[in-house]
Amino acid sequence: MYNDHSLFTDTSPSGLFAPLDLSLLPDEKTALSIEGLNLHYGQTQALFDINMRIAKGQVTAFIGPSGCGKSTLLSCINRMNDLIDGCHIDGKVMLHGQNVYDKNVDVAALRRQVGMVFQRPNPFPKSIYENVVYGLRLQGISDRRVLDDAVENSLRSAALWDEVKGRLHENAFGLSGGQQQRLVIARAIAIEPEILLLDEPTSALDPISTLTIEELINDLKAKYTVIIVTHNMQQAARVSDQTAFMHMGELVEYTSTNDIFTTPKEKRTEDYITGRYG
């Protein structure tokens, strides 16, 4: 649970920390900021004036009912929505002082900085080794020692090395679903992104594999900023430091995970987390 109030200096009159206002997050502790973001699919608007700052080195969860725009917003961050016909975006996603939607942005380079893991494990029909080094080979890296080190380091970071170190050249499809998802995470972090986007990474997994991934997420934030979409509110409470609640394309409330689950400010948030709808 998020308890590191060192990101902020505001206190209440009683001397206790007031609920977090993430709009006050200082630049040096901001991984990225989203400013006035609107998204349309053709004539249909899916996101409405989204404004938020994502804290560096933390886990941020997006929650909300199906169709509320969680995954759509996540995809905006590394421009995966570019692949959808009729998608139009206004507003800014600022990374290192540049709007990722500027015309001169190298989208391939952006996706190296902002990696993404999808809902269902999607390893390539290659060996475990070749899955991990895929992005590095695309960058022209061929030195065997560099690739070997990247495989071991990435698989260790994904809590998979001890399970597969003796079978690196076997087909990745021979892994279990949970192992495949950790392999995909290893593939994403092998190219050393700054930000890791996880779109419901455990929804297709069994409870034991889910727990393993959740423990991994907690470890990953030591090196990466992590943003996770989840339908599971208990999961958001377990793994995230901040939580954003979305409803019908709007960002309703965004604050510390502890605050949003114990003292939500908005009635729509309270109704959702107490099960009145969703």
C-alpha atoms as a PDB file:
ATOM      1  CA  MET A   1       0.000   0.000   0.000  1.00  0.00           C
ATOM      2  CA  TYR A   2       1.210   3.487  -0.790  1.00  0.00           C
ATOM      3  CA  ASN A   3       2.641   5.171   2.301  1.00  0.00           C
ATOM      4  CA  ASP A   4       5.572   7.162   0.942  1.00  0.00           C
ATOM      5  CA  HIS A   5       4.432  10.741   1.499  1.00  0.00           C
ATOM      6  CA  SER A   6       7.951  12.021   0.775  1.00  0.00           C
ATOM      7  CA  LEU A   7       6.700  12.847  -2.717  1.00  0.00           C
ATOM      8  CA  PHE A   8       4.630  15.643  -1.208  1.00  0.00           C
ATOM      9  CA  THR A   9       4.961  18.311   1.449  1.00  0.00           C
ATOM     10  CA  ASP A  10       1.341  19.311   2.097  1.00  0.00           C
ATOM     11  CA  THR A  11      -0.006  18.500   5.537  1.00  0.00           C
ATOM     12  CA  SER A  12      -3.369  18.994   7.144  1.00  0.00           C
ATOM     13  CA  PRO A  13      -3.834  21.407  10.095  1.00  0.00           C
ATOM     14  CA  SER A  14      -3.573  18.461  12.471  1.00  0.00           C
ATOM     15  CA  GLY A  15      -0.081  17.728  11.197  1.00  0.00           C
ATOM     16  CA  LEU A  16      -1.165  14.554   9.416  1.00  0.00           C
ATOM     17  CA  PHE A  17      -0.703  14.182   5.706  1.00  0.00           C
ATOM     18  CA  ALA A  18      -3.687  15.324   3.706  1.00  0.00           C
ATOM     19  CA  PRO A  19      -5.050  13.192   0.860  1.00  0.00           C
ATOM     20  CA  LEU A  20      -2.611  13.226  -2.026  1.00  0.00           C
ATOM     21  CA  ASP A  21      -3.117  15.774  -4.786  1.00  0.00           C
ATOM     22  CA  LEU A  22      -1.220  14.192  -7.649  1.00  0.00           C
ATOM     23  CA  SER A  23      -1.572  17.344  -9.724  1.00  0.00           C
ATOM     24  CA  LEU A  24       1.072  18.779  -7.373  1.00  0.00           C
ATOM     25  CA  LEU A  25       3.601  16.046  -8.154  1.00  0.00           C
ATOM     26  CA  PRO A  26       6.892  17.846  -8.869  1.00  0.00           C
ATOM     27  CA  ASP A  27       8.484  17.484 -12.293  1.00  0.00           C
ATOM     28  CA  GLU A  28      11.501  15.580 -11.019  1.00  0.00           C
ATOM     29  CA  LYS A  29       9.234  12.890  -9.562  1.00  0.00           C
ATOM     30  CA  THR A  30       6.932  12.703 -12.587  1.00  0.00           C
ATOM     31  CA  ALA A  31       7.453   9.876 -15.090  1.00  0.00           C
ATOM     32  CA  LEU A  32       4.953  11.316 -17.549  1.00  0.00           C
ATOM     33  CA  SER A  33       2.024  13.718 -17.613  1.00  0.00           C
ATOM     34  CA  ILE A  34      -1.211  13.552 -19.562  1.00  0.00           C
ATOM     35  CA  GLU A  35      -2.721  16.918 -20.412  1.00  0.00           C
ATOM     36  CA  GLY A  36      -6.184  17.575 -21.818  1.00  0.00           C
ATOM     37  CA  LEU A  37      -6.345  14.229 -23.591  1.00  0.00           C
ATOM     38  CA  ASN A  38      -9.423  13.493 -25.694  1.00  0.00           C
ATOM     39  CA  LEU A  39      -9.783  10.455 -27.927  1.00  0.00           C
ATOM     40  CA  HIS A  40     -12.349   9.718 -30.627  1.00  0.00           C
ATOM     41  CA  TYR A  41     -13.050   6.577 -32.608  1.00  0.00           C
ATOM     42  CA  GLY A  42     -14.649   8.136 -35.648  1.00  0.00           C
ATOM     43  CA  GLN A  43     -17.582  10.185 -34.303  1.00  0.00           C
ATOM     44  CA  THR A  44     -17.573   8.437 -30.921  1.00  0.00           C
ATOM     45  CA  GLN A  45     -15.626  10.026 -28.092  1.00  0.00           C
ATOM     46  CA  ALA A  46     -13.990   7.483 -25.776  1.00  0.00           C
ATOM     47  CA  LEU A  47     -11.829   9.675 -23.510  1.00  0.00           C
ATOM     48  CA  PHE A  48     -12.780  13.087 -22.138  1.00  0.00           C
ATOM     49  CA  ASP A  49     -10.211  15.687 -21.043  1.00  0.00           C
ATOM     50  CA  ILE A  50      -7.865  13.381 -19.122  1.00  0.00           C
ATOM     51  CA  ASN A  51      -5.316  15.183 -16.943  1.00  0.00           C
ATOM     52  CA  MET A  52      -2.928  13.308 -14.669  1.00  0.00           C
ATOM     53  CA  ARG A  53       0.678  12.974 -13.574  1.00  0.00           C
ATOM     54  CA  ILE A  54       2.190   9.511 -13.151  1.00  0.00           C
ATOM     55  CA  ALA A  55       4.703   9.179 -10.326  1.00  0.00           C
ATOM     56  CA  LYS A  56       8.167   7.911 -11.191  1.00  0.00           C
ATOM     57  CA  GLY A  57       9.199   4.571  -9.684  1.00  0.00           C
ATOM     58  CA  GLN A  58       5.696   3.771  -8.468  1.00  0.00           C
ATOM     59  CA  VAL A  59       2.857   1.455  -9.495  1.00  0.00           C
ATOM     60  CA  THR A  60      -0.260   3.229 -10.747  1.00  0.00           C
ATOM     61  CA  ALA A  61      -3.468   1.245 -11.285  1.00  0.00           C
ATOM     62  CA  PHE A  62      -6.327   2.154 -13.626  1.00  0.00           C
ATOM     63  CA  ILE A  63      -9.638   0.709 -12.411  1.00  0.00           C
ATOM     64  CA  GLY A  64     -13.241   1.034 -13.519  1.00  0.00           C
ATOM     65  CA  PRO A  65     -16.068  -0.937 -15.163  1.00  0.00           C
ATOM     66  CA  SER A  66     -15.719  -2.580 -18.568  1.00  0.00           C
ATOM     67  CA  GLY A  67     -15.670  -0.070 -21.413  1.00  0.00           C
ATOM     68  CA  CYS A  68     -14.716   2.882 -19.225  1.00  0.00           C
ATOM     69  CA  GLY A  69     -11.539   3.687 -21.167  1.00  0.00           C
ATOM     70  CA  LYS A  70      -8.834   2.138 -18.978  1.00  0.00           C
ATOM     71  CA  SER A  71      -7.077   0.175 -21.692  1.00  0.00           C
ATOM     72  CA  THR A  72      -7.691   2.938 -24.228  1.00  0.00           C
ATOM     73  CA  LEU A  73      -5.890   5.417 -21.978  1.00  0.00           C
ATOM     74  CA  LEU A  74      -3.061   2.971 -21.349  1.00  0.00           C
ATOM     75  CA  SER A  75      -2.589   2.470 -25.096  1.00  0.00           C
ATOM     76  CA  CYS A  76      -2.345   6.217 -25.627  1.00  0.00           C
ATOM     77  CA  ILE A  77       0.846   6.358 -23.613  1.00  0.00           C
ATOM     78  CA  ASN A  78       2.947   4.496 -26.187  1.00  0.00           C
ATOM     79  CA  ARG A  79       0.707   5.260 -29.171  1.00  0.00           C
ATOM     80  CA  MET A  80      -0.648   1.762 -29.667  1.00  0.00           C
ATOM     81  CA  ASN A  81      -3.875   3.445 -30.749  1.00  0.00           C
ATOM     82  CA  ASP A  82      -2.036   4.574 -33.886  1.00  0.00           C
ATOM     83  CA  LEU A  83      -2.827   1.105 -35.198  1.00  0.00           C
ATOM     84  CA  ILE A  84      -6.610   1.650 -35.024  1.00  0.00           C
ATOM     85  CA  ASP A  85      -8.330   3.147 -38.055  1.00  0.00           C
ATOM     86  CA  GLY A  86     -10.382   6.261 -37.335  1.00  0.00           C
ATOM     87  CA  CYS A  87      -8.705   6.967 -34.000  1.00  0.00           C
ATOM     88  CA  HIS A  88      -8.099  10.676 -33.375  1.00  0.00           C
ATOM     89  CA  ILE A  89      -6.370  12.153 -30.330  1.00  0.00           C
ATOM     90  CA  ASP A  90      -6.211  15.708 -29.018  1.00  0.00           C
ATOM     91  CA  GLY A  91      -4.122  16.763 -26.061  1.00  0.00           C
ATOM     92  CA  LYS A  92      -0.675  15.779 -24.869  1.00  0.00           C
ATOM     93  CA  VAL A  93       1.206  12.880 -23.340  1.00  0.00           C
ATOM     94  CA  MET A  94       4.409  14.477 -22.083  1.00  0.00           C
ATOM     95  CA  LEU A  95       7.556  12.380 -21.659  1.00  0.00           C
ATOM     96  CA  HIS A  96      10.848  14.144 -20.936  1.00  0.00           C
ATOM     97  CA  GLY A  97       9.304  17.464 -21.881  1.00  0.00           C
ATOM     98  CA  GLN A  98       8.081  16.322 -25.294  1.00  0.00           C
ATOM     99  CA  ASN A  99       4.601  15.441 -26.442  1.00  0.00           C
ATOM    100  CA  VAL A 100       4.767  11.850 -27.697  1.00  0.00           C
ATOM    101  CA  TYR A 101       2.195  12.815 -30.345  1.00  0.00           C
ATOM    102  CA  ASP A 102       4.463  15.403 -31.980  1.00  0.00           C
ATOM    103  CA  LYS A 103       5.030  14.599 -35.639  1.00  0.00           C
ATOM    104  CA  ASN A 104       8.791  14.282 -35.214  1.00  0.00           C
ATOM    105  CA  VAL A 105       8.572  11.573 -32.535  1.00  0.00           C
ATOM    106  CA  ASP A 106      10.106   8.221 -33.478  1.00  0.00           C
ATOM    107  CA  VAL A 107       7.309   5.833 -32.468  1.00  0.00           C
ATOM    108  CA  ALA A 108       9.619   2.801 -32.454  1.00  0.00           C
ATOM    109  CA  ALA A 109      11.957   4.617 -30.066  1.00  0.00           C
ATOM    110  CA  LEU A 110       8.981   5.617 -27.911  1.00  0.00           C
ATOM    111  CA  ARG A 111       7.909   1.991 -27.596  1.00  0.00           C
ATOM    112  CA  ARG A 112      11.425   1.094 -26.476  1.00  0.00           C
ATOM    113  CA  GLN A 113      11.056   3.654 -23.684  1.00  0.00           C
ATOM    114  CA  VAL A 114       7.511   2.597 -22.862  1.00  0.00           C
ATOM    115  CA  GLY A 115       7.093  -1.173 -23.015  1.00  0.00           C
ATOM    116  CA  MET A 116       3.726  -2.930 -22.988  1.00  0.00           C
ATOM    117  CA  VAL A 117       2.440  -6.321 -21.846  1.00  0.00           C
ATOM    118  CA  PHE A 118      -1.014  -7.383 -22.968  1.00  0.00           C
ATOM    119  CA  GLN A 119      -3.900  -9.244 -21.390  1.00  0.00           C
ATOM    120  CA  ARG A 120      -3.048 -12.664 -22.786  1.00  0.00           C
ATOM    121  CA  PRO A 121       0.507 -13.979 -22.965  1.00  0.00           C
ATOM    122  CA  ASN A 122       1.797 -13.528 -26.517  1.00  0.00           C
ATOM    123  CA  PRO A 123       5.218 -15.153 -26.823  1.00  0.00           C
ATOM    124  CA  PHE A 124       6.605 -15.489 -30.332  1.00  0.00           C
ATOM    125  CA  PRO A 125       6.887 -18.974 -31.895  1.00  0.00           C
ATOM    126  CA  LYS A 126      10.571 -19.023 -31.081  1.00  0.00           C
ATOM    127  CA  SER A 127      12.797 -20.283 -28.302  1.00  0.00           C
ATOM    128  CA  ILE A 128      12.713 -18.752 -24.836  1.00  0.00           C
ATOM    129  CA  TYR A 129      16.119 -17.203 -25.571  1.00  0.00           C
ATOM    130  CA  GLU A 130      15.047 -15.683 -28.880  1.00  0.00           C
ATOM    131  CA  ASN A 131      11.884 -14.267 -27.337  1.00  0.00           C
ATOM    132  CA  VAL A 132      13.905 -12.337 -24.774  1.00  0.00           C
ATOM    133  CA  VAL A 133      16.472 -10.981 -27.245  1.00  0.00           C
ATOM    134  CA  TYR A 134      13.963 -10.160 -29.981  1.00  0.00           C
ATOM    135  CA  GLY A 135      13.950  -6.410 -29.339  1.00  0.00           C
ATOM    136  CA  LEU A 136      17.710  -6.294 -28.936  1.00  0.00           C
ATOM    137  CA  ARG A 137      18.226  -7.999 -32.288  1.00  0.00           C
ATOM    138  CA  LEU A 138      15.922  -5.429 -33.883  1.00  0.00           C
ATOM    139  CA  GLN A 139      18.266  -2.772 -32.524  1.00  0.00           C
ATOM    140  CA  GLY A 140      21.168  -4.475 -34.305  1.00  0.00           C
ATOM    141  CA  ILE A 141      22.736  -6.029 -31.217  1.00  0.00           C
ATOM    142  CA  SER A 142      24.414  -9.323 -32.114  1.00  0.00           C
ATOM    143  CA  ASP A 143      27.234  -9.708 -29.588  1.00  0.00           C
ATOM    144  CA  ARG A 144      26.628 -13.090 -27.971  1.00  0.00           C
ATOM    145  CA  ARG A 145      27.902 -12.059 -24.565  1.00  0.00           C
ATOM    146  CA  VAL A 146      25.651  -8.998 -24.513  1.00  0.00           C
ATOM    147  CA  LEU A 147      22.658 -11.094 -25.539  1.00  0.00           C
ATOM    148  CA  ASP A 148      23.433 -13.841 -23.011  1.00  0.00           C
ATOM    149  CA  ASP A 149      23.723 -11.291 -20.209  1.00  0.00           C
ATOM    150  CA  ALA A 150      20.470  -9.641 -21.253  1.00  0.00           C
ATOM    151  CA  VAL A 151      18.654 -12.981 -21.251  1.00  0.00           C
ATOM    152  CA  GLU A 152      19.834 -13.910 -17.778  1.00  0.00           C
ATOM    153  CA  ASN A 153      19.260 -10.455 -16.295  1.00  0.00           C
ATOM    154  CA  SER A 154      15.794 -10.080 -17.828  1.00  0.00           C
ATOM    155  CA  LEU A 155      14.662 -13.552 -16.846  1.00  0.00           C
ATOM    156  CA  ARG A 156      15.937 -12.988 -13.311  1.00  0.00           C
ATOM    157  CA  SER A 157      14.081  -9.678 -13.151  1.00  0.00           C
ATOM    158  CA  ALA A 158      10.942 -11.483 -14.333  1.00  0.00           C
ATOM    159  CA  ALA A 159      11.391 -14.187 -11.659  1.00  0.00           C
ATOM    160  CA  LEU A 160      11.704 -16.860 -14.357  1.00  0.00           C
ATOM    161  CA  TRP A 161      15.424 -17.646 -14.637  1.00  0.00           C
ATOM    162  CA  ASP A 162      15.532 -20.521 -12.150  1.00  0.00           C
ATOM    163  CA  GLU A 163      12.600 -22.217 -13.892  1.00  0.00           C
ATOM    164  CA  VAL A 164      13.931 -22.034 -17.454  1.00  0.00           C
ATOM    165  CA  LYS A 165      17.717 -21.667 -17.324  1.00  0.00           C
ATOM    166  CA  GLY A 166      18.175 -25.261 -18.483  1.00  0.00           C
ATOM    167  CA  ARG A 167      15.774 -24.971 -21.415  1.00  0.00           C
ATOM    168  CA  LEU A 168      16.501 -21.616 -22.991  1.00  0.00           C
ATOM    169  CA  HIS A 169      16.535 -23.019 -26.505  1.00  0.00           C
ATOM    170  CA  GLU A 170      13.197 -24.815 -26.199  1.00  0.00           C
ATOM    171  CA  ASN A 171      10.062 -23.372 -27.763  1.00  0.00           C
ATOM    172  CA  ALA A 172       8.373 -20.772 -25.565  1.00  0.00           C
ATOM    173  CA  PHE A 173       4.987 -22.381 -26.207  1.00  0.00           C
ATOM    174  CA  GLY A 174       6.090 -25.216 -23.917  1.00  0.00           C
ATOM    175  CA  LEU A 175       5.809 -22.905 -20.909  1.00  0.00           C
ATOM    176  CA  SER A 176       2.729 -22.638 -18.735  1.00  0.00           C
ATOM    177  CA  GLY A 177       0.458 -19.603 -19.099  1.00  0.00           C
ATOM    178  CA  GLY A 178       1.947 -17.906 -16.062  1.00  0.00           C
ATOM    179  CA  GLN A 179       5.477 -18.602 -17.263  1.00  0.00           C
ATOM    180  CA  GLN A 180       4.627 -17.264 -20.712  1.00  0.00           C
ATOM    181  CA  GLN A 181       3.378 -14.016 -19.202  1.00  0.00           C
ATOM    182  CA  ARG A 182       6.580 -13.628 -17.196  1.00  0.00           C
ATOM    183  CA  LEU A 183       8.536 -14.368 -20.381  1.00  0.00           C
ATOM    184  CA  VAL A 184       6.663 -11.581 -22.149  1.00  0.00           C
ATOM    185  CA  ILE A 185       7.549  -9.270 -19.257  1.00  0.00           C
ATOM    186  CA  ALA A 186      11.189 -10.342 -19.591  1.00  0.00           C
ATOM    187  CA  ARG A 187      11.034  -9.577 -23.327  1.00  0.00           C
ATOM    188  CA  ALA A 188       9.611  -6.125 -22.547  1.00  0.00           C
ATOM    189  CA  ILE A 189      12.262  -5.220 -19.986  1.00  0.00           C
ATOM    190  CA  ALA A 190      15.212  -6.639 -21.976  1.00  0.00           C
ATOM    191  CA  ILE A 191      15.299  -3.407 -23.989  1.00  0.00           C
ATOM    192  CA  GLU A 192      15.401  -1.442 -20.701  1.00  0.00           C
ATOM    193  CA  PRO A 193      12.299   0.742 -20.917  1.00  0.00           C
ATOM    194  CA  GLU A 194      11.614   3.471 -18.396  1.00  0.00           C
ATOM    195  CA  ILE A 195       7.900   2.742 -18.152  1.00  0.00           C
ATOM    196  CA  LEU A 196       6.120  -0.602 -18.248  1.00  0.00           C
ATOM    197  CA  LEU A 197       2.444  -0.767 -19.231  1.00  0.00           C
ATOM    198  CA  LEU A 198       0.522  -3.858 -18.080  1.00  0.00           C
ATOM    199  CA  ASP A 199      -2.943  -4.342 -19.580  1.00  0.00           C
ATOM    200  CA  GLU A 200      -4.762  -6.778 -17.272  1.00  0.00           C
ATOM    201  CA  PRO A 201      -1.669  -9.022 -17.143  1.00  0.00           C
ATOM    202  CA  THR A 202      -3.229 -11.669 -14.879  1.00  0.00           C
ATOM    203  CA  SER A 203      -6.795 -11.889 -16.190  1.00  0.00           C
ATOM    204  CA  ALA A 204      -6.070 -15.126 -18.090  1.00  0.00           C
ATOM    205  CA  LEU A 205      -4.022 -16.722 -15.296  1.00  0.00           C
ATOM    206  CA  ASP A 206      -4.740 -19.050 -12.388  1.00  0.00           C
ATOM    207  CA  PRO A 207      -4.554 -17.733  -8.779  1.00  0.00           C
ATOM    208  CA  ILE A 208      -1.032 -19.034  -8.131  1.00  0.00           C
ATOM    209  CA  SER A 209       0.353 -17.503 -11.327  1.00  0.00           C
ATOM    210  CA  THR A 210      -1.519 -14.296 -10.517  1.00  0.00           C
ATOM    211  CA  LEU A 211       0.178 -14.095  -7.120  1.00  0.00           C
ATOM    212  CA  THR A 212       3.573 -14.619  -8.742  1.00  0.00           C
ATOM    213  CA  ILE A 213       2.953 -11.784 -11.203  1.00  0.00           C
ATOM    214  CA  GLU A 214       1.745  -9.498  -8.401  1.00  0.00           C
ATOM    215  CA  GLU A 215       4.899 -10.155  -6.407  1.00  0.00           C
ATOM    216  CA  LEU A 216       6.908  -9.468  -9.553  1.00  0.00           C
ATOM    217  CA  ILE A 217       5.158  -6.127 -10.083  1.00  0.00           C
ATOM    218  CA  ASN A 218       6.193  -5.048  -6.603  1.00  0.00           C
ATOM    219  CA  ASP A 219       9.816  -5.902  -7.442  1.00  0.00           C
ATOM    220  CA  LEU A 220       9.736  -4.209 -10.850  1.00  0.00           C
ATOM    221  CA  LYS A 221       8.954  -0.762  -9.464  1.00  0.00           C
ATOM    222  CA  ALA A 222      12.482  -0.637  -8.022  1.00  0.00           C
ATOM    223  CA  LYS A 223      13.677  -0.176 -11.639  1.00  0.00           C
ATOM    224  CA  TYR A 224      10.635   0.911 -13.642  1.00  0.00           C
ATOM    225  CA  THR A 225       7.528   3.038 -13.464  1.00  0.00           C
ATOM    226  CA  VAL A 226       4.628   0.586 -13.761  1.00  0.00           C
ATOM    227  CA  ILE A 227       1.084   1.347 -14.920  1.00  0.00           C
ATOM    228  CA  ILE A 228      -1.421  -1.487 -14.673  1.00  0.00           C
ATOM    229  CA  VAL A 229      -4.997  -1.829 -15.892  1.00  0.00           C
ATOM    230  CA  THR A 230      -6.982  -4.228 -13.734  1.00  0.00           C
ATOM    231  CA  HIS A 231     -10.625  -5.215 -13.246  1.00  0.00           C
ATOM    232  CA  ASN A 232      -9.666  -6.686  -9.897  1.00  0.00           C
ATOM    233  CA  MET A 233      -9.969  -4.065  -7.170  1.00  0.00           C
ATOM    234  CA  GLN A 234      -8.282  -6.326  -4.632  1.00  0.00           C
ATOM    235  CA  GLN A 235      -5.349  -6.594  -7.008  1.00  0.00           C
ATOM    236  CA  ALA A 236      -5.165  -2.815  -7.365  1.00  0.00           C
ATOM    237  CA  ALA A 237      -5.158  -2.515  -3.581  1.00  0.00           C
ATOM    238  CA  ARG A 238      -2.372  -5.096  -3.275  1.00  0.00           C
ATOM    239  CA  VAL A 239       0.037  -3.930  -5.971  1.00  0.00           C
ATOM    240  CA  SER A 240      -0.425  -0.210  -6.577  1.00  0.00           C
ATOM    241  CA  ASP A 241       0.716   2.978  -4.894  1.00  0.00           C
ATOM    242  CA  GLN A 242      -1.747   5.236  -6.755  1.00  0.00           C
ATOM    243  CA  THR A 243      -5.116   4.372  -8.265  1.00  0.00           C
ATOM    244  CA  ALA A 244      -7.127   6.156 -10.945  1.00  0.00           C
ATOM    245  CA  PHE A 245     -10.851   5.400 -11.158  1.00  0.00           C
ATOM    246  CA  MET A 246     -12.380   5.860 -14.605  1.00  0.00           C
ATOM    247  CA  HIS A 247     -16.027   5.883 -15.656  1.00  0.00           C
ATOM    248  CA  MET A 248     -17.492   6.401 -19.136  1.00  0.00           C
ATOM    249  CA  GLY A 249     -14.244   7.817 -20.483  1.00  0.00           C
ATOM    250  CA  GLU A 250     -13.723  10.286 -17.634  1.00  0.00           C
ATOM    251  CA  LEU A 251     -11.037  10.286 -14.963  1.00  0.00           C
ATOM    252  CA  VAL A 252     -13.284  10.514 -11.900  1.00  0.00           C
ATOM    253  CA  GLU A 253     -10.742  10.290  -9.107  1.00  0.00           C
ATOM    254  CA  TYR A 254      -6.977   9.823  -8.893  1.00  0.00           C
ATOM    255  CA  THR A 255      -5.126   9.648  -5.615  1.00  0.00           C
ATOM    256  CA  SER A 256      -3.209   7.248  -3.366  1.00  0.00           C
ATOM    257  CA  THR A 257      -4.504   3.700  -3.377  1.00  0.00           C
ATOM    258  CA  ASN A 258      -5.064   3.852   0.367  1.00  0.00           C
ATOM    259  CA  ASP A 259      -7.158   7.015   0.079  1.00  0.00           C
ATOM    260  CA  ILE A 260      -9.242   5.872  -2.867  1.00  0.00           C
ATOM    261  CA  PHE A 261     -10.221   2.606  -1.178  1.00  0.00           C
ATOM    262  CA  THR A 262     -10.799   4.008   2.321  1.00  0.00           C
ATOM    263  CA  THR A 263     -11.964   7.595   1.847  1.00  0.00           C
ATOM    264  CA  PRO A 264     -13.010   8.183  -1.770  1.00  0.00           C
ATOM    265  CA  LYS A 265     -14.071  11.745  -2.481  1.00  0.00           C
ATOM    266  CA  GLU A 266     -16.429  11.041  -5.374  1.00  0.00           C
ATOM    267  CA  LYS A 267     -19.744   9.215  -5.036  1.00  0.00           C
ATOM    268  CA  ARG A 268     -19.179   7.346  -8.307  1.00  0.00           C
ATOM    269  CA  THR A 269     -15.910   6.003  -6.911  1.00  0.00           C
ATOM    270  CA  GLU A 270     -17.540   4.925  -3.668  1.00  0.00           C
ATOM    271  CA  ASP A 271     -20.399   3.259  -5.531  1.00  0.00           C
ATOM    272  CA  TYR A 272     -17.986   1.306  -7.690  1.00  0.00           C
ATOM    273  CA  ILE A 273     -15.639   0.084  -4.976  1.00  0.00           C
ATOM    274  CA  THR A 274     -18.559  -0.902  -2.747  1.00  0.00           C
ATOM    275  CA  GLY A 275     -20.092  -2.953  -5.545  1.00  0.00           C
ATOM    276  CA  ARG A 276     -23.163  -0.840  -6.297  1.00  0.00           C
ATOM    277  CA  TYR A 277     -22.331  -1.066 -10.002  1.00  0.00           C
ATOM    278  CA  GLY A 278     -19.600  -2.287 -12.298  1.00  0.00           C
END
